Amino acid sequence: MPDSPLTLRALNRATLARQMLLAREQTSVLGAVEKLLALQAQQAKPPFIGLWSRVAGFERDALQVLLQRKEVVRATLMRGTLHLASAEDYRHLRASFTPLLEASVASVLRERAKGLDVAPLVKEARAFFDEAPRTFEALRDHLVARHSQNDERAMGFAVRMFLPLIQVPTETEWGYPGTTDFAVAESWLDAPLRAEADLPTLVQRYLAAFGPASVTDAQTWSGLKGLKSTFEALRPSLRTFRDEKGRELFDLPKAPRPDEDTAAPARFLPEFDSLVLGHEDRARLVDDAYRSKLITKNLRVPATFLVDGFIAGTWTVERKRAAATLVVEPFAPIKKKDRDALVKEGEALLRFMEPEARTFEVRGH
């Protein structure tokens, strides 16, 4: 059977449907986190904003409670970066990233990795964190006191990549302070992690959250190489499509693929949102002319907003005394009806982010 064609707009709407961005969904916060597979969490605040844009009636406390109950965790996963994931997903999928994480020690540290005997370092770190949750600064001091000949930051990075660790939440505003304590994952969750990779499940979950997608898209999102064989093994159970560039895309047979004319509301996405990082080819989300604006020189992914389903600009929030202002910077002029929708959505976002402010303004559009 020939591959079915998908227009760019159809691909856009399919992805937005998976990402809960065609309409806020009536679902539990835990259900949303699992549907999205994980939320990029390099910073503490963005996952809260990402869920606010996706879940009907979302309130901060709903996520805070899940963190305190250890039902959602903040830990290193895709691309070797921090994510929020359900505890069950973390336990099941962390082993799939073990090769990536361990290989990054040599690729990132290079010469600094030579001479490091990682196994005893990991053993010492496990015992150190099992005594009590502690910061990485404390771990490095602990290790350098015993291995003064080694680079302390190199030792810390090796431990971070080899030892499954979870950041310990607090009751601070966004769940985590600037400097957090770490705990050994199995000890924190009082449950073992799956020992072996499960790439078929990872690929299927990826497609459910980001599909239809190519092998290269999945590898870009995950940071893993060599996923082609997993896709090929799954091919009989998947549907295939071709995009407007002729690329082969895979998808789950029953996953939503709305009509390309489906309305897409104005939405604000936080910094490092997983949607922006979910594909190698981002044409489904942003015009190629603006793609370079999605990653800054210092590798930050700015907060963005969607107009008619596509990324149309970036935004920031300014707080001066009792006034909260959302500053919108569009890539190109925006139609009045879309500006009005952005103002309404932006004011609601400000009230969520800055509840103690007395005035709220959206400007720059």
Protein backbone atom coordinates (compact mmCIF):
# COMPACT_ATOMS: atom_id res chain seq x y z
CA MET A 1 0.00 0.00 0.00
CA PRO A 2 1.52 3.38 -1.02
CA ASP A 3 2.35 5.86 1.68
CA SER A 4 -0.43 8.37 2.29
CA PRO A 5 0.46 12.03 1.65
CA LEU A 6 0.24 14.60 4.43
CA THR A 7 0.20 18.34 3.80
CA LEU A 8 2.18 20.64 6.07
CA ARG A 9 -1.01 21.92 7.72
CA ALA A 10 -2.31 18.39 8.26
CA LEU A 11 1.00 17.46 9.87
CA ASN A 12 0.81 20.57 12.04
CA ARG A 13 -2.71 19.79 13.24
CA ALA A 14 -1.84 16.16 13.97
CA THR A 15 1.10 17.22 16.13
CA LEU A 16 -0.93 19.86 17.97
CA ALA A 17 -3.62 17.28 18.70
CA ARG A 18 -1.06 14.99 20.36
CA GLN A 19 0.36 17.94 22.28
CA MET A 20 -3.02 19.03 23.66
CA LEU A 21 -2.75 22.38 21.88
CA LEU A 22 -5.89 22.34 19.74
CA ALA A 23 -7.95 22.70 22.92
CA ARG A 24 -7.25 22.50 26.62
CA GLU A 25 -8.11 18.97 27.64
CA GLN A 26 -10.17 17.74 30.56
CA THR A 27 -7.63 15.37 32.04
CA SER A 28 -5.67 14.80 35.22
CA VAL A 29 -2.27 16.45 35.50
CA LEU A 30 -0.62 13.04 35.82
CA GLY A 31 -2.49 11.88 32.72
CA ALA A 32 -1.27 14.93 30.82
CA VAL A 33 2.36 14.40 31.85
CA GLU A 34 2.16 10.79 30.67
CA LYS A 35 0.39 11.71 27.43
CA LEU A 36 3.19 14.16 26.67
CA LEU A 37 5.69 11.46 27.73
CA ALA A 38 7.80 14.05 29.55
CA LEU A 39 8.12 17.82 29.79
CA GLN A 40 11.43 19.53 29.25
CA ALA A 41 12.45 20.91 32.65
CA GLN A 42 15.87 22.55 32.37
CA GLN A 43 14.28 25.28 34.47
CA ALA A 44 11.68 24.76 37.16
CA LYS A 45 8.96 27.12 35.90
CA PRO A 46 8.40 26.07 32.23
CA PRO A 47 6.59 22.75 32.92
CA PHE A 48 3.95 24.61 34.93
CA ILE A 49 3.36 27.02 32.03
CA GLY A 50 3.34 24.17 29.52
CA LEU A 51 0.66 22.35 31.48
CA TRP A 52 -1.38 25.54 31.97
CA SER A 53 -1.54 25.92 28.19
CA ARG A 54 -2.71 22.33 27.75
CA VAL A 55 -4.85 21.25 30.70
CA ALA A 56 -8.27 22.76 31.45
CA GLY A 57 -8.34 24.47 34.84
CA PHE A 58 -4.70 23.69 35.63
CA GLU A 59 -3.43 25.09 38.93
CA ARG A 60 0.13 25.05 40.25
CA ASP A 61 -0.76 23.06 43.34
CA ALA A 62 -1.91 20.13 41.22
CA LEU A 63 1.63 19.57 39.94
CA GLN A 64 3.22 20.42 43.28
CA VAL A 65 1.19 17.67 44.95
CA LEU A 66 2.34 15.10 42.37
CA LEU A 67 5.96 16.08 42.94
CA GLN A 68 5.63 15.78 46.71
CA ARG A 69 3.87 12.42 46.36
CA LYS A 70 6.72 11.22 44.11
CA GLU A 71 4.25 10.46 41.30
CA VAL A 72 6.10 12.90 39.01
CA VAL A 73 9.88 13.30 39.09
CA ARG A 74 12.49 15.66 37.70
CA ALA A 75 15.43 13.72 36.29
CA THR A 76 17.81 13.37 33.35
CA LEU A 77 16.31 11.65 30.31
CA MET A 78 16.05 12.67 26.65
CA ARG A 79 19.17 14.27 25.16
CA GLY A 80 20.80 14.03 28.59
CA THR A 81 18.67 16.96 29.83
CA LEU A 82 16.27 17.42 32.73
CA HIS A 83 12.62 16.46 32.25
CA LEU A 84 9.51 16.01 34.33
CA ALA A 85 8.07 12.54 33.85
CA SER A 86 5.74 10.28 35.74
CA ALA A 87 7.58 8.06 38.18
CA GLU A 88 6.31 5.00 36.33
CA ASP A 89 7.59 6.26 32.98
CA TYR A 90 10.93 7.16 34.48
CA ARG A 91 11.32 3.73 36.06
CA HIS A 92 10.43 2.00 32.80
CA LEU A 93 12.28 4.16 30.28
CA ARG A 94 15.43 5.41 32.01
CA ALA A 95 17.43 2.35 30.91
CA SER A 96 16.69 3.22 27.28
CA PHE A 97 18.88 6.30 27.71
CA THR A 98 21.73 4.60 29.55
CA PRO A 99 23.98 4.24 26.46
CA LEU A 100 23.45 7.91 25.55
CA LEU A 101 24.16 9.14 29.07
CA GLU A 102 27.21 6.99 29.66
CA ALA A 103 28.70 7.76 26.23
CA SER A 104 28.32 11.49 26.90
CA VAL A 105 30.98 11.29 29.61
CA ALA A 106 33.70 10.60 27.05
CA SER A 107 32.23 12.87 24.35
CA VAL A 108 31.71 15.87 26.64
CA LEU A 109 34.71 15.56 28.95
CA ARG A 110 37.16 14.28 26.32
CA GLU A 111 40.68 14.56 27.79
CA ARG A 112 39.22 15.25 31.23
CA ALA A 113 37.62 11.80 31.23
CA LYS A 114 40.93 10.01 30.93
CA GLY A 115 42.02 8.42 34.16
CA LEU A 116 38.56 8.50 35.71
CA ASP A 117 37.63 5.17 37.27
CA VAL A 118 33.88 5.68 37.06
CA ALA A 119 32.62 2.55 38.84
CA PRO A 120 34.04 3.35 42.30
CA LEU A 121 33.01 7.00 41.92
CA VAL A 122 29.43 5.93 41.26
CA LYS A 123 29.51 3.53 44.20
CA GLU A 124 30.76 6.28 46.52
CA ALA A 125 28.17 8.73 45.19
CA ARG A 126 25.34 6.24 45.67
CA ALA A 127 26.31 5.77 49.32
CA PHE A 128 26.71 9.54 49.78
CA PHE A 129 23.26 10.39 48.43
CA ASP A 130 21.65 7.43 50.21
CA GLU A 131 22.74 8.85 53.55
CA ALA A 132 20.58 11.91 52.80
CA PRO A 133 19.58 13.98 49.73
CA ARG A 134 22.37 16.43 49.02
CA THR A 135 23.53 18.94 46.42
CA PHE A 136 26.07 18.25 43.72
CA GLU A 137 28.33 20.85 45.24
CA ALA A 138 28.43 18.72 48.39
CA LEU A 139 29.09 15.60 46.32
CA ARG A 140 32.02 17.20 44.50
CA ASP A 141 33.55 18.30 47.81
CA HIS A 142 33.09 14.75 49.09
CA LEU A 143 34.74 13.19 46.05
CA VAL A 144 37.63 15.61 45.72
CA ALA A 145 38.55 15.00 49.36
CA ARG A 146 39.10 11.35 48.40
CA HIS A 147 40.35 11.76 44.85
CA SER A 148 42.23 15.05 44.88
CA GLN A 149 44.13 14.08 41.72
CA ASN A 150 40.92 14.13 39.65
CA ASP A 151 38.98 17.03 38.14
CA GLU A 152 36.12 17.60 40.60
CA ARG A 153 33.62 18.73 37.96
CA ALA A 154 34.53 15.84 35.70
CA MET A 155 33.84 13.44 38.56
CA GLY A 156 30.52 15.14 39.23
CA PHE A 157 29.45 14.96 35.60
CA ALA A 158 30.37 11.27 35.38
CA VAL A 159 28.24 10.52 38.43
CA ARG A 160 25.32 12.53 37.04
CA MET A 161 25.36 10.49 33.82
CA PHE A 162 26.02 7.02 35.26
CA LEU A 163 23.95 7.08 38.45
CA PRO A 164 20.14 7.43 38.10
CA LEU A 165 19.31 10.45 40.24
CA ILE A 166 16.17 12.42 40.97
CA GLN A 167 15.99 16.04 42.05
CA VAL A 168 14.21 16.49 45.37
CA PRO A 169 11.25 18.92 45.21
CA THR A 170 10.59 21.56 47.84
CA GLU A 171 7.66 23.81 48.65
CA THR A 172 9.18 26.74 46.75
CA GLU A 173 7.05 28.61 44.23
CA TRP A 174 7.82 26.42 41.21
CA GLY A 175 8.76 23.23 43.00
CA TYR A 176 12.55 23.49 42.89
CA PRO A 177 15.02 26.09 44.21
CA GLY A 178 18.00 27.24 42.17
CA THR A 179 20.24 24.72 43.92
CA THR A 180 18.51 21.39 44.49
CA ASP A 181 19.22 18.25 46.43
CA PHE A 182 19.57 14.91 44.65
CA ALA A 183 18.56 11.42 45.70
CA VAL A 184 19.26 8.00 44.21
CA ALA A 185 16.25 7.13 42.05
CA GLU A 186 15.60 3.64 43.42
CA SER A 187 15.87 4.90 46.99
CA TRP A 188 13.67 7.96 46.42
CA LEU A 189 10.98 5.91 44.70
CA ASP A 190 11.45 2.85 46.89
CA ALA A 191 11.22 0.75 43.73
CA PRO A 192 13.65 -0.70 41.19
CA LEU A 193 14.24 0.71 37.72
CA ARG A 194 13.83 -1.46 34.66
CA ALA A 195 17.25 -2.91 33.90
CA GLU A 196 16.95 -3.21 30.11
CA ALA A 197 16.12 -0.72 27.38
CA ASP A 198 12.66 -0.84 25.84
CA LEU A 199 13.09 1.02 22.57
CA PRO A 200 9.85 -0.25 20.96
CA THR A 201 7.80 1.25 23.78
CA LEU A 202 9.84 4.46 23.67
CA VAL A 203 9.22 4.85 19.92
CA GLN A 204 5.50 4.13 20.23
CA ARG A 205 5.16 6.61 23.08
CA TYR A 206 7.09 9.18 21.08
CA LEU A 207 4.78 8.79 18.11
CA ALA A 208 1.74 9.08 20.37
CA ALA A 209 3.05 12.42 21.66
CA PHE A 210 4.83 13.87 18.61
CA GLY A 211 3.79 11.89 15.52
CA PRO A 212 3.60 11.48 12.65
CA ALA A 213 7.39 11.57 12.60
CA SER A 214 10.48 10.29 10.86
CA VAL A 215 13.27 8.17 12.29
CA THR A 216 15.48 11.26 12.30
CA ASP A 217 12.83 13.22 14.20
CA ALA A 218 12.74 10.55 16.92
CA GLN A 219 16.53 10.47 17.14
CA THR A 220 16.70 14.27 17.43
CA TRP A 221 14.10 14.29 20.20
CA SER A 222 15.62 11.42 22.16
CA GLY A 223 19.32 11.98 21.49
CA LEU A 224 19.58 8.28 20.63
CA LYS A 225 21.16 6.94 17.47
CA GLY A 226 20.31 3.82 15.52
CA LEU A 227 16.53 3.87 15.98
CA LYS A 228 15.91 2.84 12.37
CA SER A 229 15.97 -0.85 13.26
CA THR A 230 13.36 -0.29 15.96
CA PHE A 231 11.09 1.52 13.50
CA GLU A 232 11.55 -1.27 10.97
CA ALA A 233 10.64 -3.90 13.55
CA LEU A 234 7.50 -1.92 14.37
CA ARG A 235 6.62 -1.14 10.74
CA PRO A 236 3.91 -3.84 10.43
CA SER A 237 2.04 -2.26 13.34
CA LEU A 238 2.44 1.35 12.15
CA ARG A 239 1.01 3.53 9.40
CA THR A 240 3.34 5.36 7.04
CA PHE A 241 2.94 8.71 5.33
CA ARG A 242 4.92 11.08 3.14
CA ASP A 243 5.23 14.76 3.90
CA GLU A 244 5.47 17.50 1.28
CA LYS A 245 9.24 16.98 1.10
CA GLY A 246 8.80 13.27 0.38
CA ARG A 247 10.11 12.15 3.78
CA GLU A 248 8.71 8.92 5.19
CA LEU A 249 6.79 9.45 8.41
CA PHE A 250 5.55 6.81 10.84
CA ASP A 251 2.52 6.93 13.08
CA LEU A 252 0.26 4.86 15.28
CA PRO A 253 -2.75 3.68 13.25
CA LYS A 254 -5.40 5.10 15.57
CA ALA A 255 -3.64 8.31 16.60
CA PRO A 256 -5.57 11.55 15.95
CA ARG A 257 -4.96 13.25 12.62
CA PRO A 258 -7.48 16.11 12.42
CA ASP A 259 -8.50 17.83 9.22
CA GLU A 260 -5.99 20.47 8.20
CA ASP A 261 -8.69 23.14 8.46
CA THR A 262 -9.23 22.45 12.17
CA ALA A 263 -9.04 25.70 14.12
CA ALA A 264 -5.93 26.15 16.27
CA PRO A 265 -6.20 28.70 19.13
CA ALA A 266 -3.59 31.20 20.25
CA ARG A 267 -1.26 29.52 22.73
CA PHE A 268 1.84 30.52 24.68
CA LEU A 269 4.62 27.97 25.15
CA PRO A 270 7.34 28.27 27.80
CA GLU A 271 11.09 28.25 27.35
CA PHE A 272 12.47 24.86 26.28
CA ASP A 273 8.98 23.50 25.52
CA SER A 274 9.17 19.90 24.36
CA LEU A 275 7.06 20.67 21.28
CA VAL A 276 9.82 22.93 19.94
CA LEU A 277 12.45 20.22 20.54
CA GLY A 278 10.43 17.24 19.33
CA HIS A 279 11.54 17.03 15.67
CA GLU A 280 14.57 17.44 13.45
CA ASP A 281 12.41 19.00 10.73
CA ARG A 282 10.47 21.80 12.42
CA ALA A 283 8.66 22.98 9.31
CA ARG A 284 5.43 21.62 10.80
CA LEU A 285 5.76 24.29 13.52
CA VAL A 286 7.67 27.25 12.14
CA ASP A 287 8.58 28.78 8.80
CA ASP A 288 12.19 27.95 7.90
CA ALA A 289 12.92 31.69 7.73
CA TYR A 290 12.35 31.92 11.48
CA ARG A 291 13.78 28.60 12.66
CA SER A 292 17.08 30.20 13.71
CA LYS A 293 15.16 32.31 16.23
CA LEU A 294 14.18 29.20 18.20
CA ILE A 295 17.63 28.64 19.69
CA THR A 296 19.77 31.49 20.97
CA LYS A 297 23.55 31.75 20.83
CA ASN A 298 23.85 30.39 24.37
CA LEU A 299 21.61 27.43 23.40
CA ARG A 300 18.52 28.65 25.20
CA VAL A 301 15.15 27.90 23.63
CA PRO A 302 13.00 31.03 24.07
CA ALA A 303 9.35 31.11 25.07
CA THR A 304 7.19 31.18 21.94
CA PHE A 305 3.57 31.67 20.93
CA LEU A 306 1.36 29.99 18.33
CA VAL A 307 -0.90 31.72 15.83
CA ASP A 308 -3.02 29.43 13.64
CA GLY A 309 -0.98 26.54 14.99
CA PHE A 310 2.44 27.83 13.94
CA ILE A 311 5.15 29.53 16.00
CA ALA A 312 4.77 33.22 15.23
CA GLY A 313 7.09 34.90 17.71
CA THR A 314 8.62 34.96 21.18
CA TRP A 315 7.55 36.44 24.51
CA THR A 316 8.88 37.49 27.88
CA VAL A 317 7.33 38.72 31.12
CA GLU A 318 8.33 41.91 32.91
CA ARG A 319 7.35 42.57 36.51
CA LYS A 320 7.62 46.08 37.97
CA ARG A 321 6.14 46.47 41.41
CA ALA A 322 2.44 45.57 41.07
CA ALA A 323 2.42 45.61 37.24
CA ALA A 324 2.93 42.48 35.16
CA THR A 325 3.57 42.90 31.44
CA LEU A 326 3.81 40.23 28.77
CA VAL A 327 5.99 41.50 25.92
CA VAL A 328 5.22 39.85 22.58
CA GLU A 329 7.79 39.94 19.77
CA PRO A 330 6.23 38.60 16.56
CA PHE A 331 8.33 37.41 13.65
CA ALA A 332 5.99 39.18 11.20
CA PRO A 333 2.88 41.41 11.38
CA ILE A 334 -0.13 39.69 12.95
CA LYS A 335 -3.77 40.11 11.88
CA LYS A 336 -6.06 42.01 14.23
CA LYS A 337 -8.24 39.01 15.12
CA ASP A 338 -5.12 37.05 16.02
CA ARG A 339 -3.76 39.98 18.04
CA ASP A 340 -7.00 40.13 20.00
CA ALA A 341 -6.81 36.41 20.73
CA LEU A 342 -3.18 36.74 21.87
CA VAL A 343 -4.06 39.59 24.22
CA LYS A 344 -6.87 37.58 25.83
CA GLU A 345 -4.69 34.49 26.21
CA GLY A 346 -1.70 36.56 27.33
CA GLU A 347 -3.62 38.32 30.07
CA ALA A 348 -4.84 34.95 31.38
CA LEU A 349 -1.25 33.67 31.36
CA LEU A 350 -0.05 36.70 33.31
CA ARG A 351 -2.69 36.10 35.98
CA PHE A 352 -1.44 32.52 36.27
CA MET A 353 2.24 33.44 36.42
CA GLU A 354 1.98 36.61 38.51
CA PRO A 355 -1.10 36.18 40.72
CA GLU A 356 0.06 38.85 43.18
CA ALA A 357 0.25 41.58 40.53
CA ARG A 358 -2.54 44.16 40.38
CA THR A 359 -2.35 45.19 36.74
CA PHE A 360 -1.82 43.04 33.66
CA GLU A 361 -0.83 44.18 30.18
CA VAL A 362 0.12 42.54 26.89
CA ARG A 363 2.17 44.78 24.63
CA GLY A 364 4.55 44.73 21.72
CA HIS A 365 2.08 43.21 19.29
